[in-house]
Amino acid sequence: MVTQLLGLVALCGTLLVAVPVGAHSTKHAVAVKALHGGQSLAAGPYHLELVAKDGELILYVADHSDKAIPCDGAKARATIQQGFEKAKIQVELEPSGENTLKGTGTFTINPDTGIMVFLKLPDQDAYAARFTPLKTGDRK
């Protein structure tokens, strides 16, 4: 009886340790090293780096080895929100160069700015990442 109880406790402990590992999906964005001076996140099979300036967004797309991924035919949209304001600004990002997408609009970037980027490359799943370009502690 004691042996069975110890075996059951050991099994439960093993399962509890395994749960957090399985909970990390490749659909969630995680911070990675930025190569172009922006904020960089891993989203699925991509490293997405967003360089955000007042009125301009540039999105760089690479794989997890930081190899550029061509963006021909890609579709991307950025939704910009200032703090908790309900108003949101939509910016379409168009392919511009080998692994970049660019978009412009009438907006400013401040410490409360949040930018949600949705990216769909041809024949691939869509991925999203939420950037906070001027928040301290977010960059790697």
Protein backbone atom coordinates (compact mmCIF):
# COMPACT_ATOMS: atom_id res chain seq x y z
CA MET A 1 0.00 0.00 0.00
CA VAL A 2 2.79 2.45 0.94
CA THR A 3 4.72 1.53 -2.22
CA GLN A 4 1.64 2.21 -4.38
CA LEU A 5 1.06 5.53 -2.63
CA LEU A 6 4.68 6.61 -3.18
CA GLY A 7 4.44 5.58 -6.83
CA LEU A 8 1.26 7.63 -7.23
CA VAL A 9 2.87 10.68 -5.58
CA ALA A 10 5.91 10.35 -7.87
CA LEU A 11 3.66 10.09 -10.94
CA CYS A 12 1.66 13.17 -9.90
CA GLY A 13 4.88 15.11 -9.31
CA THR A 14 6.16 14.17 -12.76
CA LEU A 15 2.91 15.27 -14.40
CA LEU A 16 2.89 18.59 -12.55
CA VAL A 17 6.41 19.37 -13.73
CA ALA A 18 5.49 18.48 -17.33
CA VAL A 19 2.40 20.73 -17.50
CA PRO A 20 4.21 24.10 -17.70
CA VAL A 21 6.39 22.85 -20.57
CA GLY A 22 3.35 21.79 -22.58
CA ALA A 23 1.59 25.07 -21.85
CA HIS A 24 4.10 27.05 -23.93
CA SER A 25 2.63 27.25 -27.42
CA THR A 26 4.53 28.50 -30.44
CA LYS A 27 1.61 30.88 -31.03
CA HIS A 28 2.69 33.03 -28.04
CA ALA A 29 5.22 35.80 -28.59
CA VAL A 30 8.39 35.88 -26.46
CA ALA A 31 11.16 38.50 -26.40
CA VAL A 32 14.28 37.76 -28.46
CA LYS A 33 17.41 39.71 -29.46
CA ALA A 34 16.66 42.77 -31.62
CA LEU A 35 18.99 43.29 -34.61
CA HIS A 36 17.63 46.59 -36.01
CA GLY A 37 17.10 48.72 -32.90
CA GLY A 38 13.44 47.84 -32.39
CA GLN A 39 11.61 45.42 -30.16
CA SER A 40 11.87 41.77 -31.23
CA LEU A 41 9.56 38.89 -30.34
CA ALA A 42 9.38 35.24 -31.31
CA ALA A 43 5.98 34.38 -32.75
CA GLY A 44 5.56 30.83 -34.00
CA PRO A 45 8.43 30.02 -36.39
CA TYR A 46 9.38 33.70 -36.77
CA HIS A 47 11.37 36.42 -35.09
CA LEU A 48 9.40 39.62 -35.64
CA GLU A 49 11.19 42.89 -34.96
CA LEU A 50 9.16 46.09 -34.96
CA VAL A 51 10.89 49.44 -35.34
CA ALA A 52 8.26 52.02 -34.40
CA LYS A 53 8.65 55.77 -34.90
CA ASP A 54 6.05 58.52 -34.99
CA GLY A 55 4.11 57.93 -38.21
CA GLU A 56 6.14 54.90 -39.39
CA LEU A 57 6.36 51.18 -38.66
CA ILE A 58 8.93 48.74 -40.05
CA LEU A 59 8.53 45.02 -39.41
CA TYR A 60 11.52 42.70 -39.97
CA VAL A 61 10.80 38.98 -40.39
CA ALA A 62 13.39 36.25 -39.76
CA ASP A 63 13.50 32.64 -38.64
CA HIS A 64 14.79 31.51 -35.24
CA SER A 65 18.36 31.52 -36.62
CA ASP A 66 17.87 35.19 -37.59
CA LYS A 67 17.93 34.29 -41.31
CA ALA A 68 15.82 36.74 -43.32
CA ILE A 69 12.46 35.40 -44.53
CA PRO A 70 11.22 36.86 -47.84
CA CYS A 71 8.00 38.85 -47.43
CA ASP A 72 6.78 38.89 -51.04
CA GLY A 73 3.02 38.39 -50.97
CA ALA A 74 2.84 38.81 -47.17
CA LYS A 75 -0.10 40.55 -45.56
CA ALA A 76 0.29 42.37 -42.27
CA ARG A 77 -1.68 44.82 -40.19
CA ALA A 78 -0.73 46.76 -37.08
CA THR A 79 -3.28 47.95 -34.55
CA ILE A 80 -1.97 50.83 -32.46
CA GLN A 81 -3.53 51.74 -29.12
CA GLN A 82 -2.47 54.44 -26.66
CA GLY A 83 -2.82 53.12 -23.10
CA PHE A 84 -6.40 52.22 -22.25
CA GLU A 85 -7.99 54.53 -24.85
CA LYS A 86 -10.73 52.88 -26.88
CA ALA A 87 -9.58 54.54 -30.11
CA LYS A 88 -7.30 52.35 -32.19
CA ILE A 89 -5.37 53.14 -35.35
CA GLN A 90 -5.02 50.51 -38.09
CA VAL A 91 -1.91 50.55 -40.29
CA GLU A 92 -1.48 48.19 -43.24
CA LEU A 93 2.10 46.96 -43.62
CA GLU A 94 3.25 46.36 -47.18
CA PRO A 95 6.27 44.31 -48.34
CA SER A 96 9.29 46.58 -48.73
CA GLY A 97 12.61 44.86 -49.29
CA GLU A 98 13.72 41.30 -48.73
CA ASN A 99 12.36 40.65 -45.25
CA THR A 100 10.63 43.88 -44.32
CA LEU A 101 7.14 45.28 -44.31
CA LYS A 102 6.46 49.00 -43.86
CA GLY A 103 3.47 51.13 -43.05
CA THR A 104 2.77 54.77 -42.32
CA GLY A 105 -0.02 56.69 -40.66
CA THR A 106 -0.88 59.53 -38.35
CA PHE A 107 0.17 58.33 -34.91
CA THR A 108 2.74 58.96 -32.21
CA ILE A 109 4.70 56.46 -30.17
CA ASN A 110 4.87 57.02 -26.41
CA PRO A 111 5.49 54.80 -23.35
CA ASP A 112 1.79 53.82 -23.23
CA THR A 113 1.68 52.70 -26.87
CA GLY A 114 0.77 49.08 -27.56
CA ILE A 115 1.00 47.69 -31.09
CA MET A 116 -0.56 44.38 -32.09
CA VAL A 117 0.88 43.06 -35.35
CA PHE A 118 -0.81 40.33 -37.37
CA LEU A 119 1.31 38.66 -40.06
CA LYS A 120 0.29 36.17 -42.76
CA LEU A 121 2.92 34.90 -45.17
CA PRO A 122 1.75 33.05 -48.31
CA ASP A 123 0.89 29.38 -47.66
CA GLN A 124 1.71 29.76 -43.93
CA ASP A 125 -0.32 30.12 -40.75
CA ALA A 126 -0.99 33.63 -39.45
CA TYR A 127 0.79 34.82 -36.31
CA ALA A 128 0.43 37.80 -34.02
CA ALA A 129 2.68 39.62 -31.56
CA ARG A 130 1.99 42.48 -29.16
CA PHE A 131 4.74 45.09 -29.04
CA THR A 132 5.31 47.84 -26.47
CA PRO A 133 8.09 49.77 -28.20
CA LEU A 134 8.99 52.28 -25.47
CA LYS A 135 8.37 50.25 -22.31
CA THR A 136 11.58 49.75 -20.38
CA GLY A 137 12.58 46.19 -19.60
CA ASP A 138 10.85 44.77 -22.71
CA ARG A 139 13.92 44.69 -24.96
CA LYS A 140 16.53 41.98 -25.17
